[in-house]
């Protein structure tokens, strides 16, 4: 087992009940830097950096874990929505990284905090440093959605500078005009 955070923390997360979904090839946790309520990270149990390194059952298990994690999030909303509020309160009060407290406060004020997501979601997968991969271990970000938006850009908007947000807004407007 490698020393990356996903390898090192698997057992502690499992013992603490932080794993919201698991199969033989992947597991999922709620993100400690959430962009949307219910934002989860689906993590390969195989220590690989990219999807193309997985084969056969390992690949199938990782890919299958993505919609299964969304189902687990929906189940959490339907059976114990207070657990999600408690997760964000704990994250606010005991942030593992400084930005976690700020993100948790935002989730606790979010208008969709207690709104169960349907099947609408975005999946993000960064490969390599230049693409934003921060942990060199295969994982996918799952963003449950509850209202229409232009895609993953709106799920990740907090990570963009005001300049990038303005450019994205202008680009989306230009694209919309083009297709009219």
C-alpha atoms as a PDB file:
ATOM      1  CA  UNK A   1       0.000   0.000   0.000  1.00  0.00           C
ATOM      2  CA  UNK A   2       1.299   3.435  -0.912  1.00  0.00           C
ATOM      3  CA  UNK A   3       1.562   6.383   1.422  1.00  0.00           C
ATOM      4  CA  UNK A   4      -0.969   8.635  -0.340  1.00  0.00           C
ATOM      5  CA  UNK A   5      -3.877   9.921   1.714  1.00  0.00           C
ATOM      6  CA  UNK A   6      -6.439   7.566   0.146  1.00  0.00           C
ATOM      7  CA  UNK A   7      -4.320   4.505   0.975  1.00  0.00           C
ATOM      8  CA  UNK A   8      -3.355   5.693   4.473  1.00  0.00           C
ATOM      9  CA  UNK A   9      -6.834   6.751   5.557  1.00  0.00           C
ATOM     10  CA  UNK A  10      -8.941   3.911   4.158  1.00  0.00           C
ATOM     11  CA  UNK A  11      -8.863   1.849   7.383  1.00  0.00           C
ATOM     12  CA  UNK A  12      -9.388   4.825   9.750  1.00  0.00           C
ATOM     13  CA  UNK A  13     -12.267   6.073   7.580  1.00  0.00           C
ATOM     14  CA  UNK A  14     -13.789   2.594   7.522  1.00  0.00           C
ATOM     15  CA  UNK A  15     -13.529   2.240  11.323  1.00  0.00           C
ATOM     16  CA  UNK A  16     -15.037   5.706  11.813  1.00  0.00           C
ATOM     17  CA  UNK A  17     -18.000   4.935   9.536  1.00  0.00           C
ATOM     18  CA  UNK A  18     -17.056   7.626   7.002  1.00  0.00           C
ATOM     19  CA  UNK A  19     -17.294   5.327   3.982  1.00  0.00           C
ATOM     20  CA  UNK A  20     -20.710   5.863   2.399  1.00  0.00           C
ATOM     21  CA  UNK A  21     -20.345   3.200  -0.300  1.00  0.00           C
ATOM     22  CA  UNK A  22     -17.957   0.324  -0.900  1.00  0.00           C
ATOM     23  CA  UNK A  23     -17.497  -2.633  -3.219  1.00  0.00           C
ATOM     24  CA  UNK A  24     -14.482  -4.912  -3.800  1.00  0.00           C
ATOM     25  CA  UNK A  25     -12.770  -2.362  -6.054  1.00  0.00           C
ATOM     26  CA  UNK A  26     -13.757   1.114  -4.843  1.00  0.00           C
ATOM     27  CA  UNK A  27     -15.072   3.080  -1.910  1.00  0.00           C
ATOM     28  CA  UNK A  28     -16.639   6.512  -1.474  1.00  0.00           C
ATOM     29  CA  UNK A  29     -16.564   9.228   1.151  1.00  0.00           C
ATOM     30  CA  UNK A  30     -18.209  12.625   1.421  1.00  0.00           C
ATOM     31  CA  UNK A  31     -15.783  15.330   0.311  1.00  0.00           C
ATOM     32  CA  UNK A  32     -14.059  17.442   2.971  1.00  0.00           C
ATOM     33  CA  UNK A  33     -13.954  20.295   0.425  1.00  0.00           C
ATOM     34  CA  UNK A  34     -17.530  20.085  -0.870  1.00  0.00           C
ATOM     35  CA  UNK A  35     -18.707  22.034  -3.897  1.00  0.00           C
ATOM     36  CA  UNK A  36     -22.337  20.864  -3.643  1.00  0.00           C
ATOM     37  CA  UNK A  37     -24.309  19.219  -0.816  1.00  0.00           C
ATOM     38  CA  UNK A  38     -23.598  15.493  -0.950  1.00  0.00           C
ATOM     39  CA  UNK A  39     -20.385  15.954  -2.988  1.00  0.00           C
ATOM     40  CA  UNK A  40     -18.562  12.631  -2.743  1.00  0.00           C
ATOM     41  CA  UNK A  41     -15.247  11.173  -3.816  1.00  0.00           C
ATOM     42  CA  UNK A  42     -15.209   7.700  -5.364  1.00  0.00           C
ATOM     43  CA  UNK A  43     -11.778   6.131  -4.802  1.00  0.00           C
ATOM     44  CA  UNK A  44     -10.179   3.098  -6.419  1.00  0.00           C
ATOM     45  CA  UNK A  45      -8.955   0.465  -3.972  1.00  0.00           C
ATOM     46  CA  UNK A  46      -6.188  -0.329  -6.462  1.00  0.00           C
ATOM     47  CA  UNK A  47      -3.295   2.069  -6.075  1.00  0.00           C
ATOM     48  CA  UNK A  48      -3.256   3.484  -9.604  1.00  0.00           C
ATOM     49  CA  UNK A  49      -3.143   7.077 -10.779  1.00  0.00           C
ATOM     50  CA  UNK A  50      -5.325   6.901 -13.901  1.00  0.00           C
ATOM     51  CA  UNK A  51      -8.364   5.070 -15.190  1.00  0.00           C
ATOM     52  CA  UNK A  52      -6.428   3.495 -18.067  1.00  0.00           C
ATOM     53  CA  UNK A  53      -4.330   1.554 -15.534  1.00  0.00           C
ATOM     54  CA  UNK A  54      -7.380  -0.446 -14.416  1.00  0.00           C
ATOM     55  CA  UNK A  55      -8.532  -3.563 -16.242  1.00  0.00           C
ATOM     56  CA  UNK A  56     -11.329  -6.113 -15.981  1.00  0.00           C
ATOM     57  CA  UNK A  57     -13.139  -6.371 -12.671  1.00  0.00           C
ATOM     58  CA  UNK A  58     -11.149  -3.519 -11.124  1.00  0.00           C
ATOM     59  CA  UNK A  59     -12.250  -1.161 -13.895  1.00  0.00           C
ATOM     60  CA  UNK A  60     -15.831  -2.404 -13.772  1.00  0.00           C
ATOM     61  CA  UNK A  61     -15.969  -2.090  -9.990  1.00  0.00           C
ATOM     62  CA  UNK A  62     -14.636   1.460 -10.014  1.00  0.00           C
ATOM     63  CA  UNK A  63     -17.034   2.614 -12.733  1.00  0.00           C
ATOM     64  CA  UNK A  64     -19.984   0.807 -11.096  1.00  0.00           C
ATOM     65  CA  UNK A  65     -19.191   2.587  -7.822  1.00  0.00           C
ATOM     66  CA  UNK A  66     -20.065   5.984  -9.299  1.00  0.00           C
ATOM     67  CA  UNK A  67     -23.843   5.496  -9.758  1.00  0.00           C
ATOM     68  CA  UNK A  68     -23.903   3.272  -6.667  1.00  0.00           C
ATOM     69  CA  UNK A  69     -22.443   6.151  -4.655  1.00  0.00           C
ATOM     70  CA  UNK A  70     -25.159   8.472  -5.961  1.00  0.00           C
ATOM     71  CA  UNK A  71     -27.721   5.882  -4.792  1.00  0.00           C
ATOM     72  CA  UNK A  72     -26.016   5.804  -1.381  1.00  0.00           C
ATOM     73  CA  UNK A  73     -26.262   9.590  -1.179  1.00  0.00           C
ATOM     74  CA  UNK A  74     -29.951   9.457  -2.104  1.00  0.00           C
ATOM     75  CA  UNK A  75     -30.499   6.776   0.571  1.00  0.00           C
ATOM     76  CA  UNK A  76     -28.745   8.963   3.130  1.00  0.00           C
ATOM     77  CA  UNK A  77     -31.072  11.853   2.279  1.00  0.00           C
ATOM     78  CA  UNK A  78     -34.131   9.612   2.520  1.00  0.00           C
ATOM     79  CA  UNK A  79     -33.229   7.746   5.707  1.00  0.00           C
ATOM     80  CA  UNK A  80     -31.069  10.110   7.746  1.00  0.00           C
ATOM     81  CA  UNK A  81     -30.692  13.658   6.347  1.00  0.00           C
ATOM     82  CA  UNK A  82     -29.575  14.830   9.790  1.00  0.00           C
ATOM     83  CA  UNK A  83     -26.389  12.791   9.291  1.00  0.00           C
ATOM     84  CA  UNK A  84     -25.431  15.071   6.404  1.00  0.00           C
ATOM     85  CA  UNK A  85     -26.012  18.179   8.521  1.00  0.00           C
ATOM     86  CA  UNK A  86     -23.951  16.587  11.304  1.00  0.00           C
ATOM     87  CA  UNK A  87     -21.159  15.779   8.821  1.00  0.00           C
ATOM     88  CA  UNK A  88     -20.950  19.428   7.699  1.00  0.00           C
ATOM     89  CA  UNK A  89     -21.183  20.714  11.295  1.00  0.00           C
ATOM     90  CA  UNK A  90     -18.306  18.432  12.296  1.00  0.00           C
ATOM     91  CA  UNK A  91     -16.347  19.500   9.225  1.00  0.00           C
ATOM     92  CA  UNK A  92     -16.902  23.147  10.160  1.00  0.00           C
ATOM     93  CA  UNK A  93     -15.832  22.588  13.766  1.00  0.00           C
ATOM     94  CA  UNK A  94     -12.942  20.167  13.092  1.00  0.00           C
ATOM     95  CA  UNK A  95     -11.633  20.925   9.594  1.00  0.00           C
ATOM     96  CA  UNK A  96      -8.941  18.529   8.331  1.00  0.00           C
ATOM     97  CA  UNK A  97      -7.668  21.343   6.075  1.00  0.00           C
ATOM     98  CA  UNK A  98      -8.317  25.088   6.521  1.00  0.00           C
ATOM     99  CA  UNK A  99     -10.621  25.433   3.496  1.00  0.00           C
ATOM    100  CA  UNK A 100     -12.899  22.687   4.860  1.00  0.00           C
ATOM    101  CA  UNK A 101     -14.408  24.980   7.505  1.00  0.00           C
ATOM    102  CA  UNK A 102     -15.309  27.606   4.900  1.00  0.00           C
ATOM    103  CA  UNK A 103     -16.802  24.983   2.555  1.00  0.00           C
ATOM    104  CA  UNK A 104     -18.759  23.346   5.397  1.00  0.00           C
ATOM    105  CA  UNK A 105     -20.241  26.708   6.451  1.00  0.00           C
ATOM    106  CA  UNK A 106     -21.349  27.257   2.871  1.00  0.00           C
ATOM    107  CA  UNK A 107     -22.961  23.781   2.728  1.00  0.00           C
ATOM    108  CA  UNK A 108     -24.805  24.410   6.011  1.00  0.00           C
ATOM    109  CA  UNK A 109     -26.315  27.570   4.460  1.00  0.00           C
ATOM    110  CA  UNK A 110     -26.929  25.987   1.053  1.00  0.00           C
ATOM    111  CA  UNK A 111     -30.554  26.085  -0.104  1.00  0.00           C
ATOM    112  CA  UNK A 112     -30.306  22.462  -1.245  1.00  0.00           C
ATOM    113  CA  UNK A 113     -28.679  21.032   1.883  1.00  0.00           C
ATOM    114  CA  UNK A 114     -31.748  18.983   2.760  1.00  0.00           C
ATOM    115  CA  UNK A 115     -33.053  18.495  -0.785  1.00  0.00           C
ATOM    116  CA  UNK A 116     -32.513  14.937  -1.954  1.00  0.00           C
ATOM    117  CA  UNK A 117     -30.857  14.798  -5.372  1.00  0.00           C
ATOM    118  CA  UNK A 118     -32.469  12.892  -8.219  1.00  0.00           C
ATOM    119  CA  UNK A 119     -30.192  11.233 -10.780  1.00  0.00           C
ATOM    120  CA  UNK A 120     -28.792  14.559 -12.024  1.00  0.00           C
ATOM    121  CA  UNK A 121     -25.091  14.762 -11.303  1.00  0.00           C
ATOM    122  CA  UNK A 122     -21.667  15.680 -12.627  1.00  0.00           C
ATOM    123  CA  UNK A 123     -18.599  13.476 -12.438  1.00  0.00           C
ATOM    124  CA  UNK A 124     -15.142  15.022 -12.468  1.00  0.00           C
ATOM    125  CA  UNK A 125     -11.922  13.150 -13.021  1.00  0.00           C
ATOM    126  CA  UNK A 126      -8.574  14.964 -13.163  1.00  0.00           C
ATOM    127  CA  UNK A 127      -5.515  13.257 -14.618  1.00  0.00           C
ATOM    128  CA  UNK A 128      -2.128  14.743 -13.885  1.00  0.00           C
ATOM    129  CA  UNK A 129      -0.862  17.798 -12.088  1.00  0.00           C
ATOM    130  CA  UNK A 130      -1.714  20.248 -14.877  1.00  0.00           C
ATOM    131  CA  UNK A 131      -5.308  19.037 -14.902  1.00  0.00           C
ATOM    132  CA  UNK A 132      -5.625  19.576 -11.168  1.00  0.00           C
ATOM    133  CA  UNK A 133      -5.072  16.062  -9.820  1.00  0.00           C
ATOM    134  CA  UNK A 134      -3.969  16.717  -6.239  1.00  0.00           C
ATOM    135  CA  UNK A 135      -3.690  13.120  -5.009  1.00  0.00           C
ATOM    136  CA  UNK A 136      -1.872  10.703  -7.307  1.00  0.00           C
ATOM    137  CA  UNK A 137      -4.456   7.988  -6.782  1.00  0.00           C
ATOM    138  CA  UNK A 138      -7.423   7.349  -9.071  1.00  0.00           C
ATOM    139  CA  UNK A 139     -10.563   9.018  -7.807  1.00  0.00           C
ATOM    140  CA  UNK A 140     -13.639  10.669  -9.252  1.00  0.00           C
ATOM    141  CA  UNK A 141     -15.558  13.615  -7.846  1.00  0.00           C
ATOM    142  CA  UNK A 142     -19.342  13.122  -7.790  1.00  0.00           C
ATOM    143  CA  UNK A 143     -21.462  16.273  -7.617  1.00  0.00           C
ATOM    144  CA  UNK A 144     -25.198  15.675  -7.004  1.00  0.00           C
ATOM    145  CA  UNK A 145     -27.241  18.386  -8.728  1.00  0.00           C
ATOM    146  CA  UNK A 146     -30.647  19.769  -7.904  1.00  0.00           C
ATOM    147  CA  UNK A 147     -31.093  22.533 -10.449  1.00  0.00           C
ATOM    148  CA  UNK A 148     -30.126  23.182 -14.031  1.00  0.00           C
ATOM    149  CA  UNK A 149     -26.713  24.614 -14.774  1.00  0.00           C
ATOM    150  CA  UNK A 150     -24.182  24.679 -17.600  1.00  0.00           C
ATOM    151  CA  UNK A 151     -22.439  21.590 -16.254  1.00  0.00           C
ATOM    152  CA  UNK A 152     -19.513  20.845 -14.028  1.00  0.00           C
ATOM    153  CA  UNK A 153     -18.407  24.483 -14.223  1.00  0.00           C
ATOM    154  CA  UNK A 154     -21.165  25.470 -11.805  1.00  0.00           C
ATOM    155  CA  UNK A 155     -20.274  22.661  -9.402  1.00  0.00           C
ATOM    156  CA  UNK A 156     -16.667  23.845  -9.278  1.00  0.00           C
ATOM    157  CA  UNK A 157     -17.238  27.605  -9.427  1.00  0.00           C
ATOM    158  CA  UNK A 158     -15.853  28.239  -5.941  1.00  0.00           C
ATOM    159  CA  UNK A 159     -12.466  27.057  -7.115  1.00  0.00           C
ATOM    160  CA  UNK A 160     -12.258  29.701  -9.854  1.00  0.00           C
ATOM    161  CA  UNK A 161     -10.954  33.240  -9.551  1.00  0.00           C
ATOM    162  CA  UNK A 162     -13.333  36.132 -10.361  1.00  0.00           C
ATOM    163  CA  UNK A 163     -11.499  36.593 -13.672  1.00  0.00           C
ATOM    164  CA  UNK A 164     -12.028  32.980 -14.709  1.00  0.00           C
ATOM    165  CA  UNK A 165     -15.686  33.159 -13.635  1.00  0.00           C
ATOM    166  CA  UNK A 166     -16.179  36.266 -15.796  1.00  0.00           C
ATOM    167  CA  UNK A 167     -14.497  34.603 -18.784  1.00  0.00           C
ATOM    168  CA  UNK A 168     -16.601  31.452 -18.331  1.00  0.00           C
ATOM    169  CA  UNK A 169     -19.801  33.511 -18.139  1.00  0.00           C
ATOM    170  CA  UNK A 170     -18.852  35.386 -21.320  1.00  0.00           C
ATOM    171  CA  UNK A 171     -17.986  32.140 -23.099  1.00  0.00           C
ATOM    172  CA  UNK A 172     -21.289  30.509 -22.087  1.00  0.00           C
ATOM    173  CA  UNK A 173     -23.175  33.575 -23.319  1.00  0.00           C
ATOM    174  CA  UNK A 174     -21.314  33.435 -26.654  1.00  0.00           C
ATOM    175  CA  UNK A 175     -22.067  29.724 -27.029  1.00  0.00           C
ATOM    176  CA  UNK A 176     -25.741  30.317 -26.222  1.00  0.00           C
ATOM    177  CA  UNK A 177     -25.911  33.058 -28.875  1.00  0.00           C
ATOM    178  CA  UNK A 178     -24.281  30.796 -31.444  1.00  0.00           C
ATOM    179  CA  UNK A 179     -26.934  28.113 -31.018  1.00  0.00           C
ATOM    180  CA  UNK A 180     -29.919  30.449 -31.226  1.00  0.00           C
END
